[in-house]
Amino acid sequence: MAKSPTELLAEFAPAVATLGTRLDTVERSIDGLTRRQADGGATHQSLHGEVIALREQIEMLNRWKIEIGSLVDIRTDMAVMKRDVGELRTAKDQWTQRLWNLVGPLIGAGCGALLTWALRR
């Protein structure tokens, strides 16, 4: 004999309940994925901001590197100038010593000439 519509519905009730439970599970999974995607988007934005900050810091470091390279050149130039100034001081001291060495005999000769002139008179 044919089953009545109520009996047919009674047979499908457990399957419909199972499908409802599975649909609830899928909806919860979709909600969880949506939250995770939103968190991932926020994390992505945060990381993007950090990458931009890192790029700026790298550019600043590169500028400092150029400035430090200039400072190294300046330090080298200063060391060369200090050496040159030291050599000039040494040369000046040598010339001063030579002049004083020359002045002594010239004064002595001048005094000798004056003394000779005075005594001959």
Protein backbone atom coordinates (compact mmCIF):
# COMPACT_ATOMS: atom_id res chain seq x y z
CA MET A 1 0.00 0.00 0.00
CA ALA A 2 1.12 3.55 -0.68
CA LYS A 3 2.47 5.65 2.07
CA SER A 4 0.69 8.70 3.12
CA PRO A 5 2.31 12.15 2.83
CA THR A 6 2.66 12.29 6.61
CA GLU A 7 4.57 9.03 6.65
CA LEU A 8 6.80 10.22 3.82
CA LEU A 9 7.54 13.41 5.75
CA ALA A 10 8.25 11.38 8.86
CA GLU A 11 10.81 9.34 6.92
CA PHE A 12 12.60 12.45 5.69
CA ALA A 13 12.54 14.28 9.05
CA PRO A 14 15.89 12.82 10.30
CA ALA A 15 17.55 13.61 6.95
CA VAL A 16 16.21 17.18 7.05
CA ALA A 17 17.42 17.54 10.65
CA THR A 18 20.87 16.28 9.65
CA LEU A 19 20.94 18.71 6.72
CA GLY A 20 19.90 21.54 9.05
CA THR A 21 22.69 20.66 11.48
CA ARG A 22 25.20 20.50 8.66
CA LEU A 23 23.92 23.82 7.27
CA ASP A 24 24.37 25.40 10.73
CA THR A 25 27.92 24.03 10.85
CA VAL A 26 28.64 25.46 7.39
CA GLU A 27 27.20 28.85 8.41
CA ARG A 28 29.38 28.89 11.56
CA SER A 29 32.41 27.97 9.45
CA ILE A 30 31.59 30.79 7.00
CA ASP A 31 31.20 33.25 9.92
CA GLY A 32 34.55 32.11 11.34
CA LEU A 33 36.20 32.49 7.94
CA THR A 34 34.67 35.94 7.54
CA ARG A 35 36.09 36.99 10.92
CA ARG A 36 39.48 35.50 10.06
CA GLN A 37 39.43 37.31 6.70
CA ALA A 38 38.62 40.60 8.45
CA ASP A 39 41.45 39.97 10.93
CA GLY A 40 43.73 39.08 8.02
CA GLY A 41 42.79 42.31 6.27
CA ALA A 42 43.57 44.30 9.40
CA THR A 43 46.85 42.43 9.76
CA HIS A 44 47.60 43.09 6.10
CA GLN A 45 46.97 46.82 6.60
CA SER A 46 49.19 46.81 9.68
CA LEU A 47 51.96 44.99 7.83
CA HIS A 48 51.61 47.37 4.88
CA GLY A 49 52.10 50.33 7.24
CA GLU A 50 55.15 48.65 8.77
CA VAL A 51 56.62 47.98 5.32
CA ILE A 52 56.19 51.66 4.43
CA ALA A 53 57.87 52.66 7.72
CA LEU A 54 60.73 50.23 7.01
CA ARG A 55 61.19 51.67 3.52
CA GLU A 56 61.41 55.17 4.98
CA GLN A 57 63.94 54.01 7.56
CA ILE A 58 66.02 52.29 4.86
CA GLU A 59 65.99 55.48 2.78
CA MET A 60 67.06 57.45 5.87
CA LEU A 61 69.85 54.96 6.55
CA ASN A 62 71.00 55.23 2.95
CA ARG A 63 71.09 59.02 3.30
CA TRP A 64 73.06 58.65 6.53
CA LYS A 65 75.39 56.24 4.78
CA ILE A 66 76.09 58.89 2.15
CA GLU A 67 76.59 61.51 4.88
CA ILE A 68 78.83 59.14 6.84
CA GLY A 69 80.78 58.47 3.65
CA SER A 70 81.20 62.22 3.32
CA LEU A 71 82.32 62.38 6.95
CA VAL A 72 84.90 59.69 6.28
CA ASP A 73 86.16 61.74 3.35
CA ILE A 74 86.23 64.84 5.54
CA ARG A 75 88.13 62.95 8.25
CA THR A 76 90.64 61.77 5.67
CA ASP A 77 91.03 65.31 4.37
CA MET A 78 91.47 66.60 7.91
CA ALA A 79 94.15 63.99 8.61
CA VAL A 80 96.00 65.01 5.44
CA MET A 81 95.69 68.69 6.41
CA LYS A 82 97.00 67.98 9.92
CA ARG A 83 99.97 66.18 8.41
CA ASP A 84 100.60 69.08 6.02
CA VAL A 85 100.34 71.61 8.87
CA GLY A 86 102.81 69.53 10.87
CA GLU A 87 105.21 69.49 7.93
CA LEU A 88 104.83 73.27 7.51
CA ARG A 89 105.55 73.82 11.22
CA THR A 90 108.63 71.63 10.94
CA ALA A 91 109.80 73.56 7.88
CA LYS A 92 109.13 76.89 9.61
CA ASP A 93 111.07 75.77 12.68
CA GLN A 94 113.97 74.67 10.47
CA TRP A 95 114.03 78.04 8.64
CA THR A 96 113.82 79.91 11.94
CA GLN A 97 116.74 77.91 13.27
CA ARG A 98 118.74 78.53 10.09
CA LEU A 99 118.07 82.28 10.30
CA TRP A 100 119.18 82.43 13.94
CA ASN A 101 122.23 80.41 13.02
CA LEU A 102 122.98 83.05 10.35
CA VAL A 103 122.18 86.05 12.58
CA GLY A 104 124.80 85.12 15.18
CA PRO A 105 127.79 85.25 12.80
CA LEU A 106 126.39 88.38 11.07
CA ILE A 107 126.08 90.20 14.41
CA GLY A 108 129.54 88.96 15.34
CA ALA A 109 130.97 90.20 12.03
CA GLY A 110 129.20 93.52 12.43
CA CYS A 111 130.50 93.94 15.98
CA GLY A 112 133.98 92.93 14.82
CA ALA A 113 133.87 95.47 11.99
CA LEU A 114 132.70 98.24 14.33
CA LEU A 115 135.32 97.32 16.87
CA THR A 116 138.03 97.27 14.21
CA TRP A 117 136.90 100.65 12.87
CA ALA A 118 136.78 102.10 16.36
CA LEU A 119 140.21 100.78 17.29
CA ARG A 120 141.87 102.00 14.11
CA ARG A 121 140.86 105.52 14.70
